[in-house]
N, C-alpha and C. Protein backbone atom coordinates (compact mmCIF):
# COMPACT_ATOMS: atom_id res chain seq x y z
N GLN A 1 2.69 13.48 16.96
CA GLN A 1 1.53 12.89 16.29
C GLN A 1 1.99 12.27 14.97
N VAL A 2 1.86 10.95 14.88
CA VAL A 2 2.27 10.26 13.65
C VAL A 2 1.19 10.45 12.60
N GLN A 3 1.61 10.80 11.43
CA GLN A 3 0.70 10.91 10.28
C GLN A 3 1.19 10.02 9.17
N VAL A 4 0.27 9.30 8.56
CA VAL A 4 0.58 8.43 7.44
C VAL A 4 -0.15 8.98 6.21
N VAL A 5 0.59 9.21 5.15
CA VAL A 5 0.01 9.80 3.95
C VAL A 5 0.36 8.94 2.74
N GLU A 6 -0.67 8.56 1.99
CA GLU A 6 -0.47 7.80 0.75
C GLU A 6 -0.56 8.76 -0.43
N SER A 7 0.09 8.38 -1.51
CA SER A 7 0.01 9.13 -2.76
C SER A 7 0.20 8.19 -3.93
N GLY A 8 -0.19 8.65 -5.11
CA GLY A 8 0.08 7.90 -6.32
C GLY A 8 -1.12 7.20 -6.93
N GLY A 9 -2.27 7.28 -6.30
CA GLY A 9 -3.45 6.65 -6.88
C GLY A 9 -3.90 7.36 -8.14
N GLY A 10 -4.86 6.77 -8.81
CA GLY A 10 -5.39 7.39 -10.02
C GLY A 10 -6.15 6.39 -10.86
N SER A 11 -6.37 6.75 -12.10
CA SER A 11 -7.11 5.91 -13.03
C SER A 11 -6.16 5.38 -14.09
N VAL A 12 -6.35 4.13 -14.47
CA VAL A 12 -5.49 3.50 -15.46
C VAL A 12 -6.30 2.46 -16.21
N GLN A 13 -5.91 2.18 -17.44
CA GLN A 13 -6.58 1.14 -18.21
C GLN A 13 -6.08 -0.23 -17.80
N PRO A 14 -6.88 -1.26 -18.03
CA PRO A 14 -6.41 -2.62 -17.73
C PRO A 14 -5.09 -2.91 -18.42
N GLY A 15 -4.20 -3.56 -17.68
CA GLY A 15 -2.87 -3.84 -18.18
C GLY A 15 -1.85 -2.77 -17.85
N GLY A 16 -2.32 -1.65 -17.34
CA GLY A 16 -1.43 -0.55 -17.03
C GLY A 16 -0.77 -0.71 -15.68
N SER A 17 0.00 0.32 -15.30
CA SER A 17 0.77 0.30 -14.05
C SER A 17 0.54 1.57 -13.25
N LEU A 18 0.66 1.43 -11.96
CA LEU A 18 0.65 2.57 -11.05
C LEU A 18 1.63 2.27 -9.92
N ARG A 19 2.15 3.33 -9.33
CA ARG A 19 3.01 3.17 -8.17
C ARG A 19 2.45 4.01 -7.04
N LEU A 20 2.22 3.35 -5.91
CA LEU A 20 1.76 4.04 -4.70
C LEU A 20 2.95 4.27 -3.77
N SER A 21 2.85 5.32 -3.01
CA SER A 21 3.89 5.62 -2.03
C SER A 21 3.23 6.00 -0.71
N CYS A 22 3.92 5.73 0.38
CA CYS A 22 3.37 6.00 1.71
C CYS A 22 4.51 6.47 2.62
N VAL A 23 4.25 7.53 3.33
CA VAL A 23 5.23 8.07 4.26
C VAL A 23 4.58 8.31 5.61
N ALA A 24 5.26 7.88 6.66
CA ALA A 24 4.82 8.17 8.03
C ALA A 24 5.75 9.22 8.60
N SER A 25 5.18 10.32 9.08
CA SER A 25 5.97 11.41 9.65
C SER A 25 5.56 11.66 11.09
N GLY A 26 6.34 12.50 11.78
CA GLY A 26 5.99 12.86 13.15
C GLY A 26 6.56 11.94 14.20
N THR A 27 7.56 11.13 13.84
CA THR A 27 8.18 10.23 14.80
C THR A 27 9.66 10.07 14.48
N VAL A 28 10.45 9.79 15.51
CA VAL A 28 11.87 9.52 15.31
C VAL A 28 12.13 8.04 15.19
N PHE A 29 11.09 7.22 15.43
CA PHE A 29 11.24 5.78 15.42
C PHE A 29 10.90 5.21 14.04
N SER A 30 11.51 4.07 13.75
CA SER A 30 11.28 3.42 12.47
C SER A 30 10.16 2.40 12.57
N ALA A 31 9.39 2.28 11.51
CA ALA A 31 8.36 1.25 11.44
C ALA A 31 9.02 -0.10 11.27
N ASN A 32 8.51 -1.11 11.97
CA ASN A 32 9.07 -2.44 11.77
C ASN A 32 8.17 -3.32 10.93
N HIS A 33 7.03 -2.79 10.54
CA HIS A 33 6.10 -3.54 9.70
C HIS A 33 5.30 -2.52 8.90
N MET A 34 5.32 -2.68 7.58
CA MET A 34 4.57 -1.78 6.72
C MET A 34 3.75 -2.62 5.75
N ALA A 35 2.55 -2.16 5.48
CA ALA A 35 1.65 -2.97 4.65
C ALA A 35 0.72 -2.09 3.84
N TRP A 36 0.22 -2.68 2.78
CA TRP A 36 -0.83 -2.08 1.96
C TRP A 36 -2.07 -2.96 2.03
N TYR A 37 -3.20 -2.32 2.24
CA TYR A 37 -4.50 -2.97 2.23
C TYR A 37 -5.35 -2.29 1.17
N ARG A 38 -6.46 -2.94 0.83
CA ARG A 38 -7.41 -2.30 -0.07
C ARG A 38 -8.82 -2.65 0.34
N GLN A 39 -9.74 -1.79 -0.05
CA GLN A 39 -11.13 -1.99 0.33
C GLN A 39 -12.04 -1.46 -0.76
N THR A 40 -13.10 -2.24 -1.03
CA THR A 40 -14.14 -1.82 -1.95
C THR A 40 -15.45 -1.71 -1.18
N PRO A 41 -16.41 -0.95 -1.68
CA PRO A 41 -17.67 -0.75 -0.94
C PRO A 41 -18.34 -2.07 -0.60
N GLY A 42 -18.74 -2.21 0.64
CA GLY A 42 -19.46 -3.40 1.09
C GLY A 42 -18.59 -4.58 1.43
N LYS A 43 -17.28 -4.42 1.28
CA LYS A 43 -16.37 -5.53 1.58
C LYS A 43 -15.40 -5.14 2.69
N GLU A 44 -14.85 -6.15 3.34
CA GLU A 44 -13.87 -5.89 4.37
C GLU A 44 -12.53 -5.50 3.75
N ARG A 45 -11.77 -4.75 4.52
CA ARG A 45 -10.44 -4.38 4.08
C ARG A 45 -9.59 -5.65 4.00
N GLU A 46 -8.83 -5.77 2.90
CA GLU A 46 -8.03 -6.98 2.72
C GLU A 46 -6.55 -6.60 2.57
N LEU A 47 -5.71 -7.50 3.08
CA LEU A 47 -4.27 -7.30 2.97
C LEU A 47 -3.83 -7.54 1.53
N VAL A 48 -3.04 -6.61 0.99
CA VAL A 48 -2.51 -6.75 -0.37
C VAL A 48 -1.06 -7.21 -0.32
N ALA A 49 -0.25 -6.52 0.49
CA ALA A 49 1.17 -6.85 0.58
C ALA A 49 1.72 -6.27 1.87
N ARG A 50 2.78 -6.90 2.39
CA ARG A 50 3.41 -6.39 3.59
C ARG A 50 4.90 -6.68 3.55
N VAL A 51 5.64 -5.87 4.29
CA VAL A 51 7.08 -6.04 4.39
C VAL A 51 7.49 -5.83 5.85
N TRP A 52 8.32 -6.73 6.34
CA TRP A 52 8.84 -6.64 7.71
C TRP A 52 10.19 -7.33 7.75
N GLY A 53 11.15 -6.71 8.38
CA GLY A 53 12.51 -7.24 8.35
C GLY A 53 12.94 -7.36 6.90
N GLY A 54 13.41 -8.51 6.53
CA GLY A 54 13.79 -8.75 5.16
C GLY A 54 12.78 -9.55 4.37
N ALA A 55 11.58 -9.68 4.93
CA ALA A 55 10.56 -10.54 4.32
C ALA A 55 9.43 -9.72 3.70
N THR A 56 8.81 -10.32 2.70
CA THR A 56 7.62 -9.75 2.08
C THR A 56 6.56 -10.85 1.95
N ASP A 57 5.32 -10.40 1.83
CA ASP A 57 4.22 -11.34 1.68
C ASP A 57 3.17 -10.67 0.83
N TYR A 58 2.46 -11.46 0.00
CA TYR A 58 1.48 -10.92 -0.91
C TYR A 58 0.19 -11.74 -0.89
N ALA A 59 -0.90 -11.06 -1.17
CA ALA A 59 -2.15 -11.78 -1.41
C ALA A 59 -2.00 -12.57 -2.70
N ASP A 60 -2.66 -13.72 -2.76
CA ASP A 60 -2.57 -14.56 -3.96
C ASP A 60 -3.01 -13.80 -5.20
N SER A 61 -3.98 -12.92 -5.04
CA SER A 61 -4.56 -12.23 -6.19
C SER A 61 -3.60 -11.22 -6.83
N VAL A 62 -2.54 -10.83 -6.11
CA VAL A 62 -1.62 -9.83 -6.66
C VAL A 62 -0.20 -10.35 -6.81
N ARG A 63 0.06 -11.54 -6.30
CA ARG A 63 1.43 -12.06 -6.35
C ARG A 63 1.89 -12.17 -7.79
N GLY A 64 3.10 -11.69 -8.05
CA GLY A 64 3.64 -11.70 -9.41
C GLY A 64 3.33 -10.45 -10.20
N ARG A 65 2.38 -9.65 -9.72
CA ARG A 65 2.03 -8.39 -10.41
C ARG A 65 2.40 -7.16 -9.57
N PHE A 66 2.31 -7.28 -8.26
CA PHE A 66 2.60 -6.16 -7.36
C PHE A 66 3.92 -6.42 -6.64
N THR A 67 4.63 -5.34 -6.34
CA THR A 67 5.87 -5.43 -5.58
C THR A 67 5.88 -4.36 -4.50
N ILE A 68 6.06 -4.80 -3.26
CA ILE A 68 6.17 -3.86 -2.14
C ILE A 68 7.65 -3.66 -1.83
N SER A 69 8.02 -2.44 -1.50
CA SER A 69 9.43 -2.18 -1.21
C SER A 69 9.56 -1.03 -0.23
N ARG A 70 10.56 -1.17 0.64
CA ARG A 70 10.89 -0.08 1.56
C ARG A 70 11.87 0.84 0.86
N ALA A 71 11.68 2.13 1.01
CA ALA A 71 12.60 3.09 0.44
C ALA A 71 13.69 3.41 1.46
N ASN A 72 14.76 4.02 1.01
CA ASN A 72 15.84 4.40 1.92
C ASN A 72 15.38 5.43 2.94
N ALA A 73 14.49 6.29 2.54
CA ALA A 73 13.96 7.29 3.47
C ALA A 73 13.19 6.59 4.58
N LYS A 74 13.31 7.09 5.77
CA LYS A 74 12.67 6.46 6.92
C LYS A 74 11.16 6.39 6.76
N ASN A 75 10.61 5.25 7.12
CA ASN A 75 9.16 5.05 7.15
C ASN A 75 8.48 5.37 5.82
N THR A 76 9.14 4.97 4.76
CA THR A 76 8.60 5.15 3.42
C THR A 76 8.49 3.79 2.75
N VAL A 77 7.33 3.52 2.19
CA VAL A 77 7.11 2.24 1.53
C VAL A 77 6.35 2.49 0.23
N GLY A 78 6.71 1.70 -0.77
CA GLY A 78 6.06 1.83 -2.07
C GLY A 78 5.36 0.55 -2.47
N LEU A 79 4.45 0.68 -3.41
CA LEU A 79 3.78 -0.48 -3.98
C LEU A 79 3.71 -0.28 -5.48
N GLN A 80 4.50 -1.05 -6.20
CA GLN A 80 4.48 -1.03 -7.66
C GLN A 80 3.43 -2.01 -8.14
N MET A 81 2.47 -1.52 -8.90
CA MET A 81 1.37 -2.35 -9.36
C MET A 81 1.41 -2.41 -10.88
N ASN A 82 1.65 -3.61 -11.39
CA ASN A 82 1.71 -3.84 -12.83
C ASN A 82 0.57 -4.75 -13.27
N SER A 83 0.33 -4.78 -14.56
CA SER A 83 -0.71 -5.65 -15.14
C SER A 83 -2.02 -5.50 -14.38
N LEU A 84 -2.41 -4.28 -14.16
CA LEU A 84 -3.61 -4.02 -13.36
C LEU A 84 -4.87 -4.54 -14.04
N LYS A 85 -5.78 -5.00 -13.19
CA LYS A 85 -7.05 -5.56 -13.65
C LYS A 85 -8.20 -4.73 -13.06
N PRO A 86 -9.36 -4.79 -13.68
CA PRO A 86 -10.51 -4.05 -13.12
C PRO A 86 -10.80 -4.43 -11.68
N GLU A 87 -10.56 -5.69 -11.33
CA GLU A 87 -10.82 -6.12 -9.95
C GLU A 87 -9.82 -5.57 -8.94
N ASP A 88 -8.79 -4.89 -9.42
CA ASP A 88 -7.87 -4.20 -8.50
C ASP A 88 -8.41 -2.84 -8.07
N THR A 89 -9.50 -2.42 -8.68
CA THR A 89 -10.11 -1.15 -8.31
C THR A 89 -10.52 -1.16 -6.85
N ALA A 90 -10.04 -0.18 -6.10
CA ALA A 90 -10.30 -0.11 -4.65
C ALA A 90 -9.67 1.15 -4.10
N VAL A 91 -9.97 1.41 -2.83
CA VAL A 91 -9.21 2.40 -2.08
C VAL A 91 -8.07 1.64 -1.40
N TYR A 92 -6.87 2.12 -1.61
CA TYR A 92 -5.69 1.46 -1.05
C TYR A 92 -5.22 2.24 0.18
N PHE A 93 -5.00 1.50 1.26
CA PHE A 93 -4.58 2.08 2.52
C PHE A 93 -3.20 1.56 2.90
N CYS A 94 -2.42 2.44 3.48
CA CYS A 94 -1.11 2.07 4.02
C CYS A 94 -1.21 1.98 5.52
N SER A 95 -0.58 0.98 6.10
CA SER A 95 -0.48 0.91 7.55
C SER A 95 0.97 0.70 7.95
N GLN A 96 1.34 1.32 9.04
CA GLN A 96 2.69 1.16 9.56
C GLN A 96 2.62 0.91 11.07
N ILE A 97 3.38 -0.08 11.51
CA ILE A 97 3.45 -0.39 12.93
C ILE A 97 4.75 0.20 13.49
N ILE A 98 4.58 1.13 14.41
CA ILE A 98 5.72 1.84 15.00
C ILE A 98 5.61 1.72 16.52
N ARG A 99 6.58 1.08 17.11
CA ARG A 99 6.61 0.85 18.57
C ARG A 99 5.29 0.27 19.05
N GLY A 100 4.80 -0.69 18.34
CA GLY A 100 3.62 -1.44 18.76
C GLY A 100 2.29 -0.81 18.41
N HIS A 101 2.30 0.39 17.85
CA HIS A 101 1.06 1.05 17.47
C HIS A 101 0.89 0.99 15.96
N THR A 102 -0.33 0.75 15.53
CA THR A 102 -0.64 0.70 14.10
C THR A 102 -1.24 2.03 13.66
N TYR A 103 -0.64 2.59 12.66
CA TYR A 103 -1.10 3.87 12.11
C TYR A 103 -1.58 3.66 10.68
N TRP A 104 -2.68 4.31 10.35
CA TRP A 104 -3.29 4.17 9.03
C TRP A 104 -3.34 5.51 8.31
N GLY A 105 -3.21 5.43 7.00
CA GLY A 105 -3.42 6.60 6.18
C GLY A 105 -4.89 6.72 5.81
N GLN A 106 -5.21 7.77 5.08
CA GLN A 106 -6.59 8.05 4.69
C GLN A 106 -7.00 7.27 3.45
N GLY A 107 -6.06 6.73 2.74
CA GLY A 107 -6.37 5.95 1.55
C GLY A 107 -6.23 6.74 0.27
N THR A 108 -5.97 6.01 -0.80
CA THR A 108 -5.88 6.62 -2.12
C THR A 108 -6.63 5.72 -3.11
N GLN A 109 -7.41 6.34 -3.97
CA GLN A 109 -8.26 5.59 -4.90
C GLN A 109 -7.47 5.11 -6.10
N VAL A 110 -7.64 3.85 -6.42
CA VAL A 110 -7.10 3.26 -7.64
C VAL A 110 -8.28 2.73 -8.46
N THR A 111 -8.38 3.20 -9.68
CA THR A 111 -9.47 2.77 -10.57
C THR A 111 -8.88 2.21 -11.84
N VAL A 112 -9.25 0.97 -12.15
CA VAL A 112 -8.78 0.31 -13.37
C VAL A 112 -9.99 0.08 -14.27
N SER A 113 -10.02 0.79 -15.37
CA SER A 113 -11.20 0.74 -16.24
C SER A 113 -10.82 1.13 -17.65
N SER A 114 -11.50 0.51 -18.60
CA SER A 114 -11.29 0.89 -20.00
C SER A 114 -12.29 1.96 -20.43
C-alpha cells in the first residue's frame, strides 16, 4: 500500500519562506513524476510545480519564487517557497506517479498572513 505524506506546512508572514517535503512509502518502485498542487475553498486544485526526468515546470504565479526538487532518498520531493504572498495561502498536496498510478497525500496547510 503506497502512502504519500506531506510535511512542512505552517504559518508565515508575507515575504517569508517555507519548505514542504513529501515522501511516498510502501513501494520498491520509483516515482517518475512528482508534483505539488494547491487548493483553496471553492476552487479547483491547481498545479504549482512538477518534476519528471530532468525537467521541471511551474505555474506562472510561482515561477521564480518556488523551487521543486527531488531528494536523493527514493520518492522524496521538496518544494522551497520563498517570497510568500497571502495569495499563496492554500492546502498543498503532493502527488506521485508510480508505475502508472497516481498517489496523493492528505495535504498540508500553508497560511501567509501578517
